[in-house]
């Protein structure tokens, strides 16, 4: 089991909070590494205020330290057809690369219908 650190965040689309859905932080595989060695993904539910807390091994324990690819899902993640591409709340095809350092893990994720996403830290 790899060490995790608390991660909280806020997701907005074109300046307005995303009011429902899920986020998944998947650790990136380093070159020449075994894909299974990167560690377990963390996930969280986006609340009506746009905020989320991540869980990996236990409730709200955070995410593994390192590089992650963040994927956004509609409210029912059990339905693969609802992946980002068909989401009316989050624009299709949006994935964001995020570094999870040992500290300062209050993330602000800014998504745009047009243009690349941005990630800032702190509230």
Protein backbone atom coordinates (compact mmCIF):
# COMPACT_ATOMS: atom_id res chain seq x y z
CA UNK A 1 0.00 0.00 0.00
CA UNK A 2 1.42 3.39 -1.04
CA UNK A 3 1.27 6.48 1.16
CA UNK A 4 -1.60 8.88 0.51
CA UNK A 5 -2.10 12.55 1.41
CA UNK A 6 -5.40 14.40 1.86
CA UNK A 7 -6.70 16.00 -1.34
CA UNK A 8 -9.66 18.34 -1.58
CA UNK A 9 -10.77 20.42 -4.49
CA UNK A 10 -13.25 22.46 -6.41
CA UNK A 11 -14.32 21.99 -10.05
CA UNK A 12 -15.76 24.75 -12.18
CA UNK A 13 -16.84 24.96 -15.80
CA UNK A 14 -16.55 28.35 -17.52
CA UNK A 15 -16.39 30.08 -14.13
CA UNK A 16 -19.39 28.31 -12.54
CA UNK A 17 -19.24 25.35 -10.12
CA UNK A 18 -19.84 21.88 -11.49
CA UNK A 19 -22.72 20.80 -9.24
CA UNK A 20 -22.62 17.01 -9.54
CA UNK A 21 -20.52 14.16 -10.84
CA UNK A 22 -17.38 12.27 -9.90
CA UNK A 23 -13.63 12.68 -10.28
CA UNK A 24 -11.05 9.93 -10.55
CA UNK A 25 -7.34 10.55 -10.00
CA UNK A 26 -5.38 7.76 -11.71
CA UNK A 27 -1.64 7.60 -10.95
CA UNK A 28 0.50 7.89 -14.07
CA UNK A 29 2.80 5.05 -14.99
CA UNK A 30 6.44 6.09 -15.12
CA UNK A 31 8.32 5.03 -18.23
CA UNK A 32 9.51 1.42 -18.18
CA UNK A 33 7.51 0.74 -15.01
CA UNK A 34 5.02 -2.05 -14.46
CA UNK A 35 1.57 -0.47 -14.97
CA UNK A 36 0.35 -2.10 -11.76
CA UNK A 37 3.14 -0.47 -9.74
CA UNK A 38 1.71 3.05 -10.10
CA UNK A 39 -0.83 2.46 -7.35
CA UNK A 40 -4.56 2.60 -6.79
CA UNK A 41 -6.72 5.39 -8.20
CA UNK A 42 -8.49 7.84 -5.90
CA UNK A 43 -12.04 9.05 -6.43
CA UNK A 44 -14.47 11.56 -5.07
CA UNK A 45 -18.00 12.84 -5.54
CA UNK A 46 -18.50 16.44 -6.67
CA UNK A 47 -21.01 18.15 -4.36
CA UNK A 48 -23.59 20.77 -5.23
CA UNK A 49 -21.01 23.46 -4.33
CA UNK A 50 -18.42 22.06 -6.78
CA UNK A 51 -16.23 20.64 -4.00
CA UNK A 52 -14.82 17.13 -3.64
CA UNK A 53 -12.65 15.07 -1.26
CA UNK A 54 -10.65 12.09 -2.52
CA UNK A 55 -10.59 8.55 -1.15
CA UNK A 56 -8.13 5.78 -2.07
CA UNK A 57 -8.00 3.10 0.65
CA UNK A 58 -10.46 4.61 3.13
CA UNK A 59 -13.05 7.37 3.41
CA UNK A 60 -11.55 10.80 2.51
CA UNK A 61 -7.95 9.59 3.04
CA UNK A 62 -6.69 11.33 -0.12
CA UNK A 63 -4.56 10.27 -3.10
CA UNK A 64 -1.15 8.74 -3.71
CA UNK A 65 1.67 11.29 -4.03
CA UNK A 66 2.79 11.87 -7.62
CA UNK A 67 1.48 12.57 -11.13
CA UNK A 68 -2.16 11.74 -11.90
CA UNK A 69 -4.59 11.96 -14.78
CA UNK A 70 -7.93 13.31 -13.59
CA UNK A 71 -11.07 12.11 -15.38
CA UNK A 72 -14.56 13.52 -14.86
CA UNK A 73 -17.76 11.47 -14.86
CA UNK A 74 -21.47 12.20 -14.77
CA UNK A 75 -23.45 11.44 -11.61
CA UNK A 76 -23.79 7.68 -12.23
CA UNK A 77 -20.28 6.26 -12.71
CA UNK A 78 -21.66 2.70 -13.03
CA UNK A 79 -22.86 3.49 -16.54
CA UNK A 80 -19.83 3.53 -18.85
CA UNK A 81 -21.88 5.34 -21.49
CA UNK A 82 -22.00 8.34 -19.18
CA UNK A 83 -18.26 8.87 -19.34
CA UNK A 84 -17.23 12.48 -19.92
CA UNK A 85 -17.96 12.35 -23.67
CA UNK A 86 -21.72 12.55 -23.08
CA UNK A 87 -21.74 14.70 -19.97
CA UNK A 88 -23.96 17.74 -20.13
CA UNK A 89 -22.31 19.16 -17.01
CA UNK A 90 -18.65 18.64 -17.90
CA UNK A 91 -17.35 19.11 -21.45
CA UNK A 92 -16.48 16.02 -23.42
CA UNK A 93 -12.96 14.71 -23.58
CA UNK A 94 -11.70 16.67 -20.60
CA UNK A 95 -8.86 15.10 -18.71
CA UNK A 96 -6.42 17.06 -16.60
CA UNK A 97 -2.92 16.15 -15.47
CA UNK A 98 -2.32 16.98 -11.81
CA UNK A 99 0.69 16.60 -9.51
CA UNK A 100 -0.20 15.52 -5.96
CA UNK A 101 2.70 16.71 -3.76
CA UNK A 102 3.16 15.80 -0.08
CA UNK A 103 1.39 19.06 0.92
CA UNK A 104 -0.81 21.91 -0.42
CA UNK A 105 -3.47 19.71 -1.94
CA UNK A 106 -6.46 22.00 -2.12
CA UNK A 107 -6.97 22.01 -5.89
CA UNK A 108 -9.03 24.38 -8.01
CA UNK A 109 -9.78 22.77 -11.39
CA UNK A 110 -10.97 25.22 -14.03
CA UNK A 111 -12.59 23.57 -17.07
CA UNK A 112 -13.58 25.43 -20.20
CA UNK A 113 -15.85 24.38 -23.05
CA UNK A 114 -13.19 25.76 -25.35
CA UNK A 115 -9.53 25.62 -24.46
CA UNK A 116 -7.38 23.65 -22.06
CA UNK A 117 -8.16 23.14 -18.40
CA UNK A 118 -6.16 24.90 -15.68
CA UNK A 119 -5.30 23.77 -12.17
CA UNK A 120 -4.45 26.15 -9.34
CA UNK A 121 -3.82 25.51 -5.65
CA UNK A 122 -5.50 27.03 -2.63
CA UNK A 123 -8.95 28.53 -2.25
